[in-house]
Amino acid sequence: MQEWPKKLFLAIAFISCFTCYARPDYNLPLFAFAYLLWDIDRPVSQKIRLIYLFVYSWIIDFVWLVYWGPFWNSSTFSHNWADGIQTFVLVLSVINFIIKLGTIVVCILAEKECKDALHPENAMAHAKNIFNSEGQHQ
């Protein structure tokens, strides 16, 4: 299970190369960075911060899909010169959205310390301290 997060990071980064055609996509640099950072010997809190960032970006993707999906598929916007590329980007964005949810789950399950830190009993206390500039080095 340890190798799955990095494979999923690459999948999201690869798909994001194509979603950049019609949307400003932050997933490419975010997951390329995560791929490079994930195995570095750092405190577990760094991985937990990345997981929180993944969750936040997943929420932003949801908002983007809810707003732009209906807008690009509306009758007033259809028959646009970019209709094909927008449909392509929407399909890839939905695929990325689903893969990102799986990535979040796999990242939590792959690291025991992350799983423990994100357990409901510990999550609130950890969330309050996660963005502390001093950080909690474990």
N, C-alpha and C. Protein backbone atom coordinates (compact mmCIF):
# COMPACT_ATOMS: atom_id res chain seq x y z
N MET A 1 0.83 -1.20 0.00
CA MET A 1 0.00 0.00 0.00
C MET A 1 0.87 1.26 0.00
N GLN A 2 2.12 1.14 0.41
CA GLN A 2 3.00 2.30 0.50
C GLN A 2 3.29 2.94 -0.85
N GLU A 3 3.27 2.16 -1.93
CA GLU A 3 3.61 2.71 -3.24
C GLU A 3 2.42 3.37 -3.94
N TRP A 4 1.20 3.12 -3.48
CA TRP A 4 0.01 3.65 -4.14
C TRP A 4 -0.11 5.16 -4.11
N PRO A 5 0.19 5.83 -3.01
CA PRO A 5 0.05 7.30 -3.05
C PRO A 5 0.84 7.95 -4.17
N LYS A 6 2.08 7.54 -4.36
CA LYS A 6 2.90 8.17 -5.40
C LYS A 6 2.38 7.86 -6.80
N LYS A 7 1.85 6.67 -7.01
CA LYS A 7 1.27 6.34 -8.31
C LYS A 7 0.04 7.20 -8.58
N LEU A 8 -0.77 7.39 -7.56
CA LEU A 8 -1.95 8.23 -7.71
C LEU A 8 -1.58 9.70 -7.92
N PHE A 9 -0.52 10.17 -7.25
CA PHE A 9 -0.05 11.54 -7.47
C PHE A 9 0.31 11.74 -8.94
N LEU A 10 1.03 10.76 -9.51
CA LEU A 10 1.42 10.86 -10.92
C LEU A 10 0.20 10.83 -11.84
N ALA A 11 -0.78 10.00 -11.51
CA ALA A 11 -1.99 9.93 -12.34
C ALA A 11 -2.72 11.27 -12.36
N ILE A 12 -2.86 11.88 -11.20
CA ILE A 12 -3.54 13.18 -11.12
C ILE A 12 -2.73 14.25 -11.86
N ALA A 13 -1.43 14.25 -11.67
CA ALA A 13 -0.58 15.23 -12.36
C ALA A 13 -0.66 15.05 -13.87
N PHE A 14 -0.67 13.81 -14.33
CA PHE A 14 -0.74 13.54 -15.77
C PHE A 14 -2.07 14.02 -16.35
N ILE A 15 -3.17 13.68 -15.70
CA ILE A 15 -4.48 14.13 -16.18
C ILE A 15 -4.57 15.65 -16.14
N SER A 16 -3.97 16.25 -15.14
CA SER A 16 -4.00 17.71 -15.00
C SER A 16 -3.25 18.41 -16.13
N CYS A 17 -2.32 17.72 -16.75
CA CYS A 17 -1.64 18.30 -17.93
C CYS A 17 -2.65 18.63 -19.02
N PHE A 18 -3.70 17.84 -19.13
CA PHE A 18 -4.70 18.04 -20.17
C PHE A 18 -5.85 18.94 -19.73
N THR A 19 -6.13 19.00 -18.44
CA THR A 19 -7.20 19.88 -17.98
C THR A 19 -6.77 21.34 -18.01
N CYS A 20 -5.48 21.58 -18.14
CA CYS A 20 -4.98 22.96 -18.23
C CYS A 20 -5.40 23.64 -19.52
N TYR A 21 -5.92 22.89 -20.49
CA TYR A 21 -6.34 23.49 -21.75
C TYR A 21 -7.46 24.50 -21.57
N ALA A 22 -8.35 24.26 -20.61
CA ALA A 22 -9.52 25.14 -20.48
C ALA A 22 -9.79 25.57 -19.05
N ARG A 23 -8.90 25.27 -18.15
CA ARG A 23 -9.09 25.73 -16.77
C ARG A 23 -7.74 25.95 -16.14
N PRO A 24 -7.63 26.95 -15.29
CA PRO A 24 -6.37 27.13 -14.58
C PRO A 24 -6.27 26.06 -13.49
N ASP A 25 -5.49 25.05 -13.73
CA ASP A 25 -5.47 23.88 -12.85
C ASP A 25 -4.24 23.88 -11.96
N TYR A 26 -4.49 23.88 -10.67
CA TYR A 26 -3.42 23.86 -9.67
C TYR A 26 -3.03 22.43 -9.32
N ASN A 27 -3.76 21.44 -9.82
CA ASN A 27 -3.48 20.05 -9.47
C ASN A 27 -2.14 19.57 -9.99
N LEU A 28 -1.73 20.06 -11.15
CA LEU A 28 -0.45 19.63 -11.71
C LEU A 28 0.72 19.99 -10.79
N PRO A 29 0.90 21.25 -10.40
CA PRO A 29 2.03 21.53 -9.50
C PRO A 29 1.85 20.93 -8.11
N LEU A 30 0.61 20.89 -7.62
CA LEU A 30 0.36 20.34 -6.28
C LEU A 30 0.76 18.87 -6.19
N PHE A 31 0.34 18.08 -7.15
CA PHE A 31 0.60 16.65 -7.06
C PHE A 31 1.99 16.28 -7.58
N ALA A 32 2.57 17.09 -8.43
CA ALA A 32 3.98 16.88 -8.79
C ALA A 32 4.85 17.14 -7.56
N PHE A 33 4.52 18.19 -6.83
CA PHE A 33 5.23 18.50 -5.58
C PHE A 33 5.03 17.39 -4.56
N ALA A 34 3.80 16.90 -4.42
CA ALA A 34 3.52 15.81 -3.48
C ALA A 34 4.30 14.56 -3.85
N TYR A 35 4.42 14.28 -5.14
CA TYR A 35 5.18 13.11 -5.59
C TYR A 35 6.64 13.21 -5.13
N LEU A 36 7.22 14.39 -5.26
CA LEU A 36 8.62 14.58 -4.87
C LEU A 36 8.80 14.61 -3.36
N LEU A 37 7.82 15.08 -2.63
CA LEU A 37 7.95 15.28 -1.19
C LEU A 37 7.56 14.07 -0.35
N TRP A 38 6.71 13.21 -0.87
CA TRP A 38 6.07 12.18 -0.05
C TRP A 38 7.05 11.25 0.66
N ASP A 39 8.11 10.82 0.02
CA ASP A 39 9.02 9.85 0.63
C ASP A 39 10.21 10.46 1.35
N ILE A 40 10.29 11.77 1.37
CA ILE A 40 11.40 12.42 2.06
C ILE A 40 11.21 12.25 3.56
N ASP A 41 12.32 12.01 4.26
CA ASP A 41 12.25 11.84 5.72
C ASP A 41 11.95 13.18 6.37
N ARG A 42 10.71 13.41 6.59
CA ARG A 42 10.23 14.62 7.25
C ARG A 42 9.31 14.18 8.38
N PRO A 43 8.98 15.09 9.23
CA PRO A 43 7.99 14.74 10.25
C PRO A 43 6.67 14.34 9.59
N VAL A 44 5.95 13.48 10.24
CA VAL A 44 4.66 13.03 9.72
C VAL A 44 3.72 14.22 9.55
N SER A 45 3.91 15.26 10.34
CA SER A 45 3.03 16.43 10.23
C SER A 45 3.08 17.03 8.84
N GLN A 46 4.19 16.87 8.11
CA GLN A 46 4.26 17.37 6.73
C GLN A 46 3.29 16.60 5.84
N LYS A 47 3.21 15.30 6.03
CA LYS A 47 2.28 14.50 5.24
C LYS A 47 0.84 14.83 5.62
N ILE A 48 0.62 15.07 6.88
CA ILE A 48 -0.73 15.42 7.33
C ILE A 48 -1.14 16.76 6.73
N ARG A 49 -0.21 17.70 6.68
CA ARG A 49 -0.50 18.99 6.04
C ARG A 49 -0.84 18.80 4.57
N LEU A 50 -0.11 17.93 3.90
CA LEU A 50 -0.42 17.64 2.50
C LEU A 50 -1.82 17.05 2.37
N ILE A 51 -2.18 16.15 3.26
CA ILE A 51 -3.52 15.55 3.20
C ILE A 51 -4.59 16.61 3.40
N TYR A 52 -4.39 17.52 4.35
CA TYR A 52 -5.33 18.62 4.53
C TYR A 52 -5.41 19.47 3.26
N LEU A 53 -4.29 19.70 2.62
CA LEU A 53 -4.28 20.46 1.37
C LEU A 53 -5.02 19.71 0.27
N PHE A 54 -4.87 18.39 0.22
CA PHE A 54 -5.61 17.59 -0.76
C PHE A 54 -7.11 17.70 -0.52
N VAL A 55 -7.52 17.64 0.74
CA VAL A 55 -8.95 17.75 1.07
C VAL A 55 -9.48 19.12 0.65
N TYR A 56 -8.72 20.16 0.97
CA TYR A 56 -9.12 21.51 0.59
C TYR A 56 -9.23 21.63 -0.93
N SER A 57 -8.27 21.10 -1.66
CA SER A 57 -8.31 21.18 -3.12
C SER A 57 -9.45 20.34 -3.69
N TRP A 58 -9.81 19.25 -3.00
CA TRP A 58 -10.94 18.43 -3.43
C TRP A 58 -12.24 19.23 -3.31
N ILE A 59 -12.37 20.00 -2.23
CA ILE A 59 -13.55 20.85 -2.04
C ILE A 59 -13.60 21.93 -3.13
N ILE A 60 -12.45 22.54 -3.43
CA ILE A 60 -12.40 23.55 -4.49
C ILE A 60 -12.77 22.93 -5.84
N ASP A 61 -12.30 21.72 -6.11
CA ASP A 61 -12.68 21.03 -7.35
C ASP A 61 -14.19 20.80 -7.41
N PHE A 62 -14.78 20.44 -6.29
CA PHE A 62 -16.23 20.24 -6.23
C PHE A 62 -16.96 21.53 -6.59
N VAL A 63 -16.55 22.63 -5.98
CA VAL A 63 -17.17 23.93 -6.26
C VAL A 63 -16.99 24.27 -7.75
N TRP A 64 -15.81 24.04 -8.29
CA TRP A 64 -15.54 24.33 -9.70
C TRP A 64 -16.46 23.51 -10.60
N LEU A 65 -16.58 22.22 -10.30
CA LEU A 65 -17.43 21.35 -11.12
C LEU A 65 -18.91 21.75 -11.03
N VAL A 66 -19.35 22.12 -9.83
CA VAL A 66 -20.75 22.51 -9.64
C VAL A 66 -21.04 23.82 -10.39
N TYR A 67 -20.09 24.73 -10.42
CA TYR A 67 -20.30 26.01 -11.10
C TYR A 67 -20.13 25.89 -12.62
N TRP A 68 -18.97 25.40 -13.06
CA TRP A 68 -18.65 25.41 -14.48
C TRP A 68 -19.31 24.29 -15.27
N GLY A 69 -19.56 23.15 -14.65
CA GLY A 69 -20.20 22.06 -15.37
C GLY A 69 -21.54 22.46 -15.97
N PRO A 70 -22.47 22.94 -15.15
CA PRO A 70 -23.76 23.37 -15.72
C PRO A 70 -23.62 24.58 -16.67
N PHE A 71 -22.70 25.48 -16.37
CA PHE A 71 -22.53 26.66 -17.22
C PHE A 71 -22.04 26.28 -18.61
N TRP A 72 -21.03 25.42 -18.67
CA TRP A 72 -20.50 25.01 -19.97
C TRP A 72 -21.48 24.13 -20.74
N ASN A 73 -22.38 23.45 -20.04
CA ASN A 73 -23.36 22.60 -20.71
C ASN A 73 -24.69 23.29 -20.94
N SER A 74 -24.80 24.56 -20.59
CA SER A 74 -26.07 25.28 -20.75
C SER A 74 -26.33 25.57 -22.22
N SER A 75 -27.60 25.79 -22.53
CA SER A 75 -27.98 26.05 -23.93
C SER A 75 -27.43 27.39 -24.42
N THR A 76 -27.26 28.34 -23.53
CA THR A 76 -26.72 29.64 -23.95
C THR A 76 -25.24 29.57 -24.27
N PHE A 77 -24.56 28.60 -23.69
CA PHE A 77 -23.12 28.49 -23.90
C PHE A 77 -22.76 27.38 -24.88
N SER A 78 -23.72 26.54 -25.24
CA SER A 78 -23.41 25.45 -26.17
C SER A 78 -23.21 26.02 -27.58
N HIS A 79 -22.71 25.23 -28.44
CA HIS A 79 -22.35 25.62 -29.82
C HIS A 79 -21.25 26.67 -29.82
N ASN A 80 -20.46 26.63 -28.81
CA ASN A 80 -19.31 27.52 -28.71
C ASN A 80 -18.16 26.86 -29.46
N TRP A 81 -17.23 27.64 -29.95
CA TRP A 81 -16.08 27.09 -30.67
C TRP A 81 -15.25 26.16 -29.78
N ALA A 82 -15.32 26.36 -28.47
CA ALA A 82 -14.52 25.55 -27.55
C ALA A 82 -15.32 24.44 -26.88
N ASP A 83 -16.48 24.12 -27.43
CA ASP A 83 -17.36 23.13 -26.80
C ASP A 83 -16.68 21.77 -26.63
N GLY A 84 -15.96 21.32 -27.62
CA GLY A 84 -15.30 20.01 -27.54
C GLY A 84 -14.23 19.97 -26.46
N ILE A 85 -13.41 20.99 -26.41
CA ILE A 85 -12.33 21.02 -25.40
C ILE A 85 -12.91 21.17 -24.00
N GLN A 86 -14.00 21.93 -23.88
CA GLN A 86 -14.62 22.09 -22.56
C GLN A 86 -15.24 20.79 -22.07
N THR A 87 -15.85 20.04 -22.95
CA THR A 87 -16.39 18.73 -22.57
C THR A 87 -15.26 17.79 -22.17
N PHE A 88 -14.18 17.81 -22.93
CA PHE A 88 -12.99 17.00 -22.63
C PHE A 88 -12.45 17.35 -21.25
N VAL A 89 -12.34 18.63 -20.96
CA VAL A 89 -11.81 19.08 -19.67
C VAL A 89 -12.77 18.73 -18.54
N LEU A 90 -14.07 18.85 -18.76
CA LEU A 90 -15.04 18.47 -17.73
C LEU A 90 -14.95 16.98 -17.41
N VAL A 91 -14.85 16.15 -18.42
CA VAL A 91 -14.75 14.70 -18.20
C VAL A 91 -13.47 14.38 -17.43
N LEU A 92 -12.35 14.96 -17.84
CA LEU A 92 -11.10 14.71 -17.12
C LEU A 92 -11.14 15.28 -15.71
N SER A 93 -11.83 16.39 -15.52
CA SER A 93 -11.94 16.97 -14.18
C SER A 93 -12.75 16.07 -13.25
N VAL A 94 -13.79 15.46 -13.77
CA VAL A 94 -14.57 14.51 -12.97
C VAL A 94 -13.72 13.29 -12.63
N ILE A 95 -12.97 12.79 -13.59
CA ILE A 95 -12.08 11.66 -13.34
C ILE A 95 -11.04 12.03 -12.28
N ASN A 96 -10.45 13.20 -12.41
CA ASN A 96 -9.47 13.66 -11.42
C ASN A 96 -10.11 13.82 -10.04
N PHE A 97 -11.34 14.31 -10.00
CA PHE A 97 -12.07 14.49 -8.75
C PHE A 97 -12.24 13.15 -8.03
N ILE A 98 -12.59 12.13 -8.77
CA ILE A 98 -12.78 10.79 -8.19
C ILE A 98 -11.44 10.20 -7.75
N ILE A 99 -10.43 10.33 -8.60
CA ILE A 99 -9.10 9.81 -8.24
C ILE A 99 -8.56 10.53 -7.01
N LYS A 100 -8.81 11.84 -6.92
CA LYS A 100 -8.31 12.61 -5.78
C LYS A 100 -8.95 12.13 -4.48
N LEU A 101 -10.23 11.81 -4.50
CA LEU A 101 -10.87 11.27 -3.30
C LEU A 101 -10.23 9.95 -2.90
N GLY A 102 -9.98 9.08 -3.88
CA GLY A 102 -9.29 7.83 -3.59
C GLY A 102 -7.88 8.06 -3.07
N THR A 103 -7.21 9.06 -3.61
CA THR A 103 -5.86 9.39 -3.16
C THR A 103 -5.85 9.83 -1.71
N ILE A 104 -6.82 10.64 -1.33
CA ILE A 104 -6.91 11.09 0.06
C ILE A 104 -7.07 9.89 0.99
N VAL A 105 -7.97 8.98 0.63
CA VAL A 105 -8.20 7.80 1.45
C VAL A 105 -6.95 6.93 1.52
N VAL A 106 -6.31 6.69 0.38
CA VAL A 106 -5.11 5.85 0.34
C VAL A 106 -3.99 6.48 1.16
N CYS A 107 -3.82 7.80 1.06
CA CYS A 107 -2.77 8.47 1.83
C CYS A 107 -3.00 8.32 3.33
N ILE A 108 -4.23 8.42 3.74
CA ILE A 108 -4.55 8.26 5.16
C ILE A 108 -4.29 6.83 5.61
N LEU A 109 -4.68 5.87 4.80
CA LEU A 109 -4.52 4.46 5.18
C LEU A 109 -3.09 3.96 5.05
N ALA A 110 -2.31 4.57 4.15
CA ALA A 110 -0.95 4.09 3.90
C ALA A 110 0.01 4.43 5.02
N GLU A 111 -0.24 5.50 5.73
CA GLU A 111 0.65 5.95 6.79
C GLU A 111 -0.06 5.80 8.13
N LYS A 112 0.46 4.94 8.98
CA LYS A 112 -0.17 4.70 10.28
C LYS A 112 -0.24 5.98 11.10
N GLU A 113 0.82 6.78 11.08
CA GLU A 113 0.83 8.01 11.86
C GLU A 113 -0.23 8.99 11.36
N CYS A 114 -0.43 9.04 10.05
CA CYS A 114 -1.46 9.91 9.48
C CYS A 114 -2.84 9.41 9.88
N LYS A 115 -3.01 8.10 9.83
CA LYS A 115 -4.29 7.52 10.22
C LYS A 115 -4.60 7.83 11.68
N ASP A 116 -3.60 7.71 12.54
CA ASP A 116 -3.79 8.01 13.96
C ASP A 116 -4.07 9.50 14.18
N ALA A 117 -3.34 10.36 13.48
CA ALA A 117 -3.51 11.81 13.67
C ALA A 117 -4.85 12.29 13.15
N LEU A 118 -5.38 11.62 12.13
CA LEU A 118 -6.64 12.05 11.54
C LEU A 118 -7.84 11.28 12.09
N HIS A 119 -7.62 10.46 13.09
CA HIS A 119 -8.72 9.77 13.76
C HIS A 119 -9.62 10.84 14.36
N PRO A 120 -10.94 10.65 14.34
CA PRO A 120 -11.85 11.70 14.83
C PRO A 120 -11.52 12.22 16.24
N GLU A 121 -11.01 11.35 17.09
CA GLU A 121 -10.69 11.80 18.45
C GLU A 121 -9.51 12.78 18.46
N ASN A 122 -8.58 12.61 17.53
CA ASN A 122 -7.38 13.44 17.49
C ASN A 122 -7.44 14.54 16.45
N ALA A 123 -8.36 14.44 15.50
CA ALA A 123 -8.36 15.34 14.34
C ALA A 123 -8.56 16.80 14.73
N MET A 124 -9.49 17.09 15.62
CA MET A 124 -9.76 18.48 15.97
C MET A 124 -8.57 19.13 16.66
N ALA A 125 -7.97 18.42 17.59
CA ALA A 125 -6.80 18.97 18.26
C ALA A 125 -5.65 19.15 17.28
N HIS A 126 -5.51 18.21 16.38
CA HIS A 126 -4.43 18.29 15.40
C HIS A 126 -4.69 19.41 14.40
N ALA A 127 -5.95 19.57 13.99
CA ALA A 127 -6.30 20.62 13.02
C ALA A 127 -6.00 22.01 13.57
N LYS A 128 -6.16 22.20 14.86
CA LYS A 128 -5.87 23.50 15.47
C LYS A 128 -4.38 23.83 15.41
N ASN A 129 -3.54 22.81 15.48
CA ASN A 129 -2.10 23.02 15.51
C ASN A 129 -1.40 22.81 14.18
N ILE A 130 -2.12 22.33 13.17
CA ILE A 130 -1.45 21.93 11.94
C ILE A 130 -0.82 23.09 11.19
N PHE A 131 -1.40 24.27 11.30
CA PHE A 131 -0.85 25.41 10.58
C PHE A 131 -0.04 26.32 11.48
N ASN A 132 0.30 25.84 12.64
CA ASN A 132 1.16 26.57 13.55
C ASN A 132 2.53 26.72 12.90
N SER A 133 3.10 27.89 12.95
CA SER A 133 4.38 28.12 12.28
C SER A 133 5.51 27.31 12.90
N GLU A 134 5.40 27.01 14.18
CA GLU A 134 6.43 26.21 14.82
C GLU A 134 6.28 24.74 14.46
N GLY A 135 5.05 24.29 14.27
CA GLY A 135 4.78 22.91 13.89
C GLY A 135 5.04 21.93 15.01
N GLN A 136 4.46 20.79 14.88
CA GLN A 136 4.65 19.70 15.82
C GLN A 136 5.51 18.66 15.13
N HIS A 137 6.77 18.60 15.45
CA HIS A 137 7.66 17.63 14.81
C HIS A 137 7.63 16.33 15.58
N GLN A 138 7.28 15.28 14.84
CA GLN A 138 7.18 13.96 15.48
C GLN A 138 8.32 13.11 15.04
